[in-house]
Amino acid sequence: MNFAFTGERNTPALQWLADGLEDVLRQHGYRPVDPGTEDVRLVLNFTGADKPEPHRRRSQATFVVSVIQVPERPDDILRTAYPLLVKSLSNLLIFLVGDERAIRETYFVTLERGYYTLAVEPGDEAYFARMYERLAPLASSRLVIRNEFVPDLPRELWEGDEVTEQLRWASKKLEELDLLPAPFPIQEILSERDFRHVQHLYGIGGLSYGNLSARHGPRSYWMSASGVNKARLETIGRDILLVTGYDPEKNAMILSVPPHVEPRRVSVDAIEHWMIYTTHPEVKAIVHVHAWMEGVPSTEVNYPCGTYELASAVADLVNRSPDPACAVVGLKNHGLTITGRSLPEIFSRIEGKILRQVPMS
């Protein structure tokens, strides 16, 4: 594994942070490289809150962590820090509160619209070991967000079927339960150049939260698209897509789409649903929401959405549940994945038990 720094460490506090991070990364076998290197895996981008400068990565495999310090803690961490995360084109934001001499508070802000804290005390060298424990699993995880579109969807499915009608019904149900945060308008806060860069690298037009899927065949399923309003699932191939496979050599999800529709990318959690459906024939539907339920088993690491590692961790918890067809699994600092024998059956089990606030740790 390798790493690089970008941006200015122009205060003693930020230089202390950079030195400590470099030391702990080197101790674990990471080697420093130029930030322009195409295969750099971890980039630590030091930038400012007034004008966040992004690191325009050259590869999807590069994990960018931006570091921003402010003098005082804002009233609402997420409202202040989340736009900075997006503007800096980062996978993760380390949001620091402190002065030129010392860091008083540390917040990790995630693309899943959550944040958690890391304790820091003056002269606390163990702080960097704790930071490494948080960063290393995320930086080494592997995204599965490539899509291969095959324009071979049978004509009789161009308008959907009874399963896609269930998905539309379930999307309305999520809206009724107030479990669908509005899509985050990244195109409104990014420059045109940066938005084009995001579209080119990831093929996305926006950020939206939560997803739905339902089985179509033994190894295929309908799933909501990425970046769309989940309460308005209308066009087949654009809002709802048919996943027919996963190609491990290309690291891509395979999708059957109508030849006349310009398709959107399927939800980033498609690989997770693929693992569950292909292992458990009895699972007929899956719902993912950014909410919580008490007493659920949870993953131990908050891997990013769309990574093979998150999918494996969730699938493993489903495998170990007493009844994989009726499992409720927590994703640390993120939300819930819920399996069922149908979408209505899932909602009958969870209604009245959902907690809007996901616990962060």
Protein backbone atom coordinates (compact mmCIF):
# COMPACT_ATOMS: atom_id res chain seq x y z
CA MET A 1 0.00 0.00 0.00
CA ASN A 2 1.11 3.56 -0.65
CA PHE A 3 0.03 7.05 0.40
CA ALA A 4 0.53 10.70 -0.47
CA PHE A 5 -0.07 14.14 1.02
CA THR A 6 -1.46 17.16 -0.81
CA GLY A 7 -2.17 20.69 0.35
CA GLU A 8 -0.47 22.89 2.92
CA ARG A 9 0.20 21.98 6.54
CA ASN A 10 0.67 25.62 7.47
CA THR A 11 0.19 25.53 11.25
CA PRO A 12 2.04 23.64 13.98
CA ALA A 13 -1.16 21.67 14.73
CA LEU A 14 -1.60 20.52 11.14
CA GLN A 15 2.09 19.69 10.79
CA TRP A 16 1.87 17.63 14.00
CA LEU A 17 -1.07 15.77 12.50
CA ALA A 18 0.68 15.16 9.18
CA ASP A 19 3.89 13.97 10.88
CA GLY A 20 1.97 11.61 13.15
CA LEU A 21 -0.05 10.17 10.27
CA GLU A 22 3.07 9.66 8.16
CA ASP A 23 4.84 7.89 11.02
CA VAL A 24 1.96 5.50 11.73
CA LEU A 25 1.45 4.73 8.04
CA ARG A 26 5.15 3.97 7.56
CA GLN A 27 5.09 1.75 10.67
CA HIS A 28 2.39 -0.35 8.99
CA GLY A 29 4.27 -0.74 5.73
CA TYR A 30 2.76 2.10 3.69
CA ARG A 31 5.22 3.90 1.44
CA PRO A 32 5.00 7.55 0.37
CA VAL A 33 4.54 8.37 -3.33
CA ASP A 34 3.84 11.42 -5.43
CA PRO A 35 0.12 12.36 -5.25
CA GLY A 36 -0.06 12.33 -9.04
CA THR A 37 0.80 8.64 -9.16
CA GLU A 38 -2.03 6.80 -10.89
CA ASP A 39 -2.09 3.84 -8.49
CA VAL A 40 -1.85 5.81 -5.23
CA ARG A 41 -4.27 4.18 -2.76
CA LEU A 42 -4.55 6.77 0.03
CA VAL A 43 -4.35 10.55 -0.40
CA LEU A 44 -4.51 12.88 2.60
CA ASN A 45 -5.62 16.24 1.23
CA PHE A 46 -5.04 19.20 3.59
CA THR A 47 -7.30 22.05 2.52
CA GLY A 48 -9.35 24.93 3.91
CA ALA A 49 -12.96 25.48 4.91
CA ASP A 50 -13.24 28.79 3.04
CA LYS A 51 -12.31 27.29 -0.32
CA PRO A 52 -11.88 23.50 -0.24
CA GLU A 53 -9.44 22.41 -2.95
CA PRO A 54 -10.15 18.89 -4.25
CA HIS A 55 -7.64 16.22 -5.15
CA ARG A 56 -8.77 15.07 -8.59
CA ARG A 57 -7.90 11.41 -8.43
CA ARG A 58 -7.06 9.48 -11.58
CA SER A 59 -8.46 6.15 -10.42
CA GLN A 60 -11.56 4.89 -8.61
CA ALA A 61 -9.23 2.88 -6.36
CA THR A 62 -7.74 6.04 -4.81
CA PHE A 63 -9.25 6.76 -1.39
CA VAL A 64 -9.15 10.49 -0.64
CA VAL A 65 -9.33 11.82 2.92
CA SER A 66 -9.56 15.60 3.15
CA VAL A 67 -8.42 17.34 6.33
CA ILE A 68 -10.01 20.67 7.27
CA GLN A 69 -9.53 22.63 10.49
CA VAL A 70 -11.78 25.38 11.89
CA PRO A 71 -11.20 27.48 15.04
CA GLU A 72 -14.59 26.88 16.69
CA ARG A 73 -17.04 24.00 16.75
CA PRO A 74 -20.09 24.82 14.56
CA ASP A 75 -23.58 24.38 15.97
CA ASP A 76 -24.31 21.64 13.44
CA ILE A 77 -21.28 19.54 12.48
CA LEU A 78 -22.97 17.71 9.61
CA ARG A 79 -24.62 20.76 8.05
CA THR A 80 -21.27 22.57 8.05
CA ALA A 81 -18.92 19.72 7.20
CA TYR A 82 -20.87 17.61 4.69
CA PRO A 83 -20.74 20.21 1.86
CA LEU A 84 -16.97 20.49 2.50
CA LEU A 85 -16.67 16.72 2.07
CA VAL A 86 -18.48 16.90 -1.27
CA LYS A 87 -16.67 20.03 -2.50
CA SER A 88 -13.30 18.43 -1.79
CA LEU A 89 -14.32 15.31 -3.79
CA SER A 90 -13.41 13.11 -0.84
CA ASN A 91 -14.38 9.68 0.42
CA LEU A 92 -13.98 10.86 4.00
CA LEU A 93 -13.47 14.18 5.77
CA ILE A 94 -11.41 14.63 8.93
CA PHE A 95 -12.96 17.78 10.38
CA LEU A 96 -10.81 19.33 13.11
CA VAL A 97 -11.59 21.98 15.69
CA GLY A 98 -8.65 23.82 17.21
CA ASP A 99 -6.18 26.68 16.94
CA GLU A 100 -2.75 26.92 15.34
CA ARG A 101 -1.10 25.15 18.27
CA ALA A 102 -3.42 22.25 19.08
CA ILE A 103 -6.32 20.15 17.84
CA ARG A 104 -9.14 20.00 20.39
CA GLU A 105 -11.77 17.90 18.60
CA THR A 106 -11.73 15.40 15.71
CA TYR A 107 -14.75 14.37 13.62
CA PHE A 108 -14.85 11.78 10.83
CA VAL A 109 -17.57 12.83 8.35
CA THR A 110 -18.76 10.17 5.88
CA LEU A 111 -20.52 10.21 2.52
CA GLU A 112 -23.40 8.32 4.17
CA ARG A 113 -24.22 11.62 5.93
CA GLY A 114 -23.00 10.62 9.34
CA TYR A 115 -20.08 11.49 11.57
CA TYR A 116 -18.27 10.10 14.57
CA THR A 117 -15.60 11.46 16.90
CA LEU A 118 -12.07 10.48 17.82
CA ALA A 119 -10.79 11.58 21.20
CA VAL A 120 -7.59 13.65 21.24
CA GLU A 121 -5.58 14.94 24.19
CA PRO A 122 -2.47 17.18 24.19
CA GLY A 123 0.59 15.08 23.39
CA ASP A 124 -1.57 12.01 22.76
CA GLU A 125 0.59 9.84 20.48
CA ALA A 126 -1.91 6.94 20.72
CA TYR A 127 -4.26 9.23 18.79
CA PHE A 128 -2.50 8.27 15.57
CA ALA A 129 -2.81 4.55 16.25
CA ARG A 130 -6.56 5.04 16.74
CA MET A 131 -6.74 7.10 13.58
CA TYR A 132 -4.92 4.39 11.62
CA GLU A 133 -7.39 1.76 12.90
CA ARG A 134 -10.19 3.90 11.46
CA LEU A 135 -8.52 4.73 8.15
CA ALA A 136 -6.75 1.54 7.09
CA PRO A 137 -9.80 -0.71 6.51
CA LEU A 138 -11.53 2.03 4.51
CA ALA A 139 -8.52 2.90 2.38
CA SER A 140 -7.86 -0.75 1.52
CA SER A 141 -11.48 -1.59 0.60
CA ARG A 142 -12.44 -2.27 -3.03
CA LEU A 143 -15.27 -0.45 -4.79
CA VAL A 144 -17.66 -2.46 -6.96
CA ILE A 145 -19.45 0.33 -8.80
CA ARG A 146 -18.70 -0.40 -12.44
CA ASN A 147 -21.76 -1.28 -14.50
CA GLU A 148 -21.89 -3.22 -17.73
CA PHE A 149 -25.12 -2.44 -19.59
CA VAL A 150 -26.42 -5.10 -21.94
CA PRO A 151 -29.34 -3.82 -24.11
CA ASP A 152 -31.14 -7.16 -24.14
CA LEU A 153 -34.05 -6.63 -21.75
CA PRO A 154 -37.04 -8.51 -23.23
CA ARG A 155 -39.66 -6.20 -24.71
CA GLU A 156 -42.34 -7.52 -22.34
CA LEU A 157 -40.30 -6.09 -19.45
CA TRP A 158 -39.77 -2.59 -20.88
CA GLU A 159 -42.66 -1.31 -18.75
CA GLY A 160 -41.80 -3.58 -15.82
CA ASP A 161 -43.79 -6.38 -14.24
CA GLU A 162 -45.55 -7.19 -10.97
CA VAL A 163 -42.21 -7.12 -9.12
CA THR A 164 -41.36 -3.59 -10.28
CA GLU A 165 -44.86 -2.53 -9.19
CA GLN A 166 -43.99 -3.81 -5.71
CA LEU A 167 -40.79 -1.73 -5.80
CA ARG A 168 -42.82 1.37 -6.67
CA TRP A 169 -45.25 0.59 -3.85
CA ALA A 170 -42.36 0.10 -1.40
CA SER A 171 -40.73 3.37 -2.44
CA LYS A 172 -43.95 5.20 -1.58
CA LYS A 173 -44.04 3.35 1.72
CA LEU A 174 -40.52 4.54 2.58
CA GLU A 175 -41.63 8.08 1.81
CA GLU A 176 -44.68 7.70 4.06
CA LEU A 177 -42.40 6.49 6.88
CA ASP A 178 -40.10 9.49 6.29
CA LEU A 179 -37.14 7.18 5.65
CA LEU A 180 -35.95 8.75 2.40
CA PRO A 181 -33.69 11.78 2.87
CA ALA A 182 -33.80 13.98 -0.21
CA PRO A 183 -31.08 13.29 -2.76
CA PHE A 184 -28.08 15.52 -2.04
CA PRO A 185 -27.69 17.99 -4.94
CA ILE A 186 -23.96 17.63 -5.59
CA GLN A 187 -24.34 19.37 -8.96
CA GLU A 188 -25.47 22.51 -7.11
CA ILE A 189 -22.38 22.82 -4.91
CA LEU A 190 -19.67 21.49 -7.22
CA SER A 191 -18.14 23.52 -10.01
CA GLU A 192 -19.02 22.36 -13.51
CA ARG A 193 -15.48 21.02 -13.91
CA ASP A 194 -15.59 19.01 -10.69
CA PHE A 195 -19.07 17.67 -11.43
CA ARG A 196 -17.86 16.46 -14.85
CA HIS A 197 -14.90 14.81 -13.10
CA VAL A 198 -17.21 12.96 -10.70
CA GLN A 199 -19.44 11.84 -13.56
CA HIS A 200 -16.47 10.65 -15.61
CA LEU A 201 -14.85 8.74 -12.74
CA TYR A 202 -17.93 7.25 -11.06
CA GLY A 203 -20.75 7.63 -13.58
CA ILE A 204 -23.06 9.27 -11.02
CA GLY A 205 -25.23 12.33 -11.31
CA GLY A 206 -26.10 12.76 -7.65
CA LEU A 207 -26.15 11.27 -4.17
CA SER A 208 -29.26 9.59 -2.77
CA TYR A 209 -29.75 7.41 0.27
CA GLY A 210 -31.34 4.02 0.78
CA ASN A 211 -32.35 1.44 -1.83
CA LEU A 212 -34.79 -1.34 -2.64
CA SER A 213 -34.58 -4.60 -4.55
CA ALA A 214 -36.76 -7.63 -5.27
CA ARG A 215 -35.94 -10.97 -6.86
CA HIS A 216 -36.81 -11.52 -10.53
CA GLY A 217 -35.29 -14.95 -11.19
CA PRO A 218 -32.91 -17.46 -9.60
CA ARG A 219 -29.90 -15.15 -10.16
CA SER A 220 -31.46 -11.82 -11.12
CA TYR A 221 -33.24 -9.01 -9.30
CA TRP A 222 -34.78 -5.61 -9.87
CA MET A 223 -33.09 -2.76 -7.98
CA SER A 224 -33.42 1.00 -7.61
CA ALA A 225 -30.91 3.18 -9.43
CA SER A 226 -28.25 5.38 -7.89
CA GLY A 227 -28.75 9.11 -7.54
CA VAL A 228 -32.52 9.08 -8.10
CA ASN A 229 -35.40 10.09 -5.88
CA LYS A 230 -36.30 6.71 -4.41
CA ALA A 231 -39.90 7.87 -3.89
CA ARG A 232 -40.30 8.33 -7.66
CA LEU A 233 -39.28 5.06 -9.29
CA GLU A 234 -40.76 5.26 -12.76
CA THR A 235 -38.77 4.34 -15.88
CA ILE A 236 -37.31 0.86 -16.33
CA GLY A 237 -33.60 1.16 -17.10
CA ARG A 238 -33.40 4.63 -15.58
CA ASP A 239 -35.00 4.38 -12.11
CA ILE A 240 -35.30 0.59 -11.79
CA LEU A 241 -32.74 -1.78 -13.27
CA LEU A 242 -32.51 -5.54 -13.72
CA VAL A 243 -29.27 -6.94 -12.27
CA THR A 244 -28.36 -10.22 -13.96
CA GLY A 245 -24.81 -10.91 -12.80
CA TYR A 246 -21.47 -9.92 -11.33
CA ASP A 247 -18.24 -10.23 -13.33
CA PRO A 248 -15.36 -10.63 -10.84
CA GLU A 249 -12.70 -10.17 -13.54
CA LYS A 250 -14.13 -6.80 -14.59
CA ASN A 251 -15.32 -6.10 -11.03
CA ALA A 252 -18.62 -4.98 -12.55
CA MET A 253 -22.33 -5.55 -12.08
CA ILE A 254 -24.11 -6.79 -15.22
CA LEU A 255 -27.42 -5.13 -16.08
CA SER A 256 -30.07 -5.96 -18.68
CA VAL A 257 -31.58 -2.71 -19.97
CA PRO A 258 -34.04 -1.61 -22.70
CA PRO A 259 -32.20 -0.64 -25.90
CA HIS A 260 -34.06 2.69 -26.17
CA VAL A 261 -33.31 4.04 -22.66
CA GLU A 262 -30.10 5.75 -21.54
CA PRO A 263 -29.50 3.79 -18.33
CA ARG A 264 -28.48 5.08 -14.94
CA ARG A 265 -26.02 3.25 -12.75
CA VAL A 266 -27.59 0.80 -10.32
CA SER A 267 -27.35 1.46 -6.58
CA VAL A 268 -23.84 1.09 -5.18
CA ASP A 269 -25.12 -1.65 -2.86
CA ALA A 270 -25.88 -3.96 -5.79
CA ILE A 271 -22.90 -6.22 -4.96
CA GLU A 272 -24.23 -6.69 -1.41
CA HIS A 273 -27.68 -7.67 -2.69
CA TRP A 274 -26.06 -10.00 -5.27
CA MET A 275 -24.20 -11.87 -2.51
CA ILE A 276 -27.39 -12.29 -0.48
CA TYR A 277 -29.70 -13.33 -3.34
CA THR A 278 -27.27 -15.85 -4.84
CA THR A 279 -26.61 -17.48 -1.45
CA HIS A 280 -30.20 -17.57 -0.16
CA PRO A 281 -32.90 -18.52 -2.69
CA GLU A 282 -35.53 -17.94 0.00
CA VAL A 283 -34.74 -14.20 0.11
CA LYS A 284 -37.17 -12.43 -2.23
CA ALA A 285 -36.65 -8.77 -1.29
CA ILE A 286 -34.15 -6.44 0.39
CA VAL A 287 -34.58 -2.94 1.83
CA HIS A 288 -31.71 -0.66 2.87
CA VAL A 289 -32.41 2.50 4.91
CA HIS A 290 -30.33 5.02 6.81
CA ALA A 291 -32.11 4.29 10.07
CA TRP A 292 -31.75 1.87 12.99
CA MET A 293 -33.49 -0.76 15.13
CA GLU A 294 -32.60 -1.73 18.67
CA GLY A 295 -30.76 -4.98 19.33
CA VAL A 296 -29.62 -5.73 15.78
CA PRO A 297 -26.26 -7.38 15.00
CA SER A 298 -23.93 -4.95 13.29
CA THR A 299 -20.82 -4.87 11.14
CA GLU A 300 -17.67 -3.89 13.03
CA VAL A 301 -16.13 -1.54 10.46
CA ASN A 302 -17.90 1.31 8.66
CA TYR A 303 -16.70 0.33 5.20
CA PRO A 304 -17.78 2.72 2.44
CA CYS A 305 -20.91 2.03 0.42
CA GLY A 306 -20.31 0.00 -2.69
CA THR A 307 -17.25 -1.87 -1.43
CA TYR A 308 -16.75 -5.61 -1.63
CA GLU A 309 -15.75 -5.61 2.03
CA LEU A 310 -19.00 -4.02 3.22
CA ALA A 311 -21.00 -6.44 1.08
CA SER A 312 -19.11 -9.42 2.52
CA ALA A 313 -19.55 -8.22 6.11
CA VAL A 314 -23.30 -7.71 5.67
CA ALA A 315 -23.76 -11.00 3.80
CA ASP A 316 -21.88 -12.81 6.57
CA LEU A 317 -24.27 -11.44 9.20
CA VAL A 318 -27.24 -12.48 7.07
CA ASN A 319 -25.71 -15.96 6.75
CA ARG A 320 -25.39 -16.22 10.54
CA SER A 321 -28.92 -15.03 11.31
CA PRO A 322 -31.45 -17.63 12.54
CA ASP A 323 -33.55 -17.06 9.40
CA PRO A 324 -31.63 -15.38 6.55
CA ALA A 325 -34.93 -14.72 4.74
CA CYS A 326 -36.06 -12.46 7.61
CA ALA A 327 -32.82 -10.84 8.76
CA VAL A 328 -32.19 -7.33 10.04
CA VAL A 329 -28.52 -6.35 9.90
CA GLY A 330 -26.91 -3.13 11.09
CA LEU A 331 -24.21 -1.36 9.08
CA LYS A 332 -21.96 0.49 11.51
CA ASN A 333 -22.43 4.28 11.42
CA HIS A 334 -24.63 3.83 8.37
CA GLY A 335 -28.02 2.08 8.55
CA LEU A 336 -29.89 -1.20 8.10
CA THR A 337 -30.14 -3.97 5.51
CA ILE A 338 -33.37 -5.95 5.86
CA THR A 339 -34.21 -9.16 3.99
CA GLY A 340 -37.67 -10.60 3.49
CA ARG A 341 -39.91 -13.01 1.61
CA SER A 342 -41.55 -9.99 -0.05
CA LEU A 343 -41.44 -6.22 0.25
CA PRO A 344 -44.83 -6.02 2.03
CA GLU A 345 -43.62 -8.67 4.48
CA ILE A 346 -40.54 -6.57 5.29
CA PHE A 347 -42.63 -3.48 6.01
CA SER A 348 -45.05 -5.44 8.19
CA ARG A 349 -42.08 -6.49 10.35
CA ILE A 350 -40.32 -3.14 10.71
CA GLU A 351 -43.16 -0.60 10.88
CA GLY A 352 -43.22 1.07 14.28
CA LYS A 353 -39.76 -0.27 15.21
CA ILE A 354 -37.54 2.00 13.13
CA LEU A 355 -35.36 4.63 14.85
CA ARG A 356 -34.47 7.56 12.59
CA GLN A 357 -31.13 8.25 14.31
CA VAL A 358 -28.28 5.86 13.45
CA PRO A 359 -25.93 5.49 16.46
CA MET A 360 -22.40 6.69 15.68
CA SER A 361 -19.28 5.31 17.32
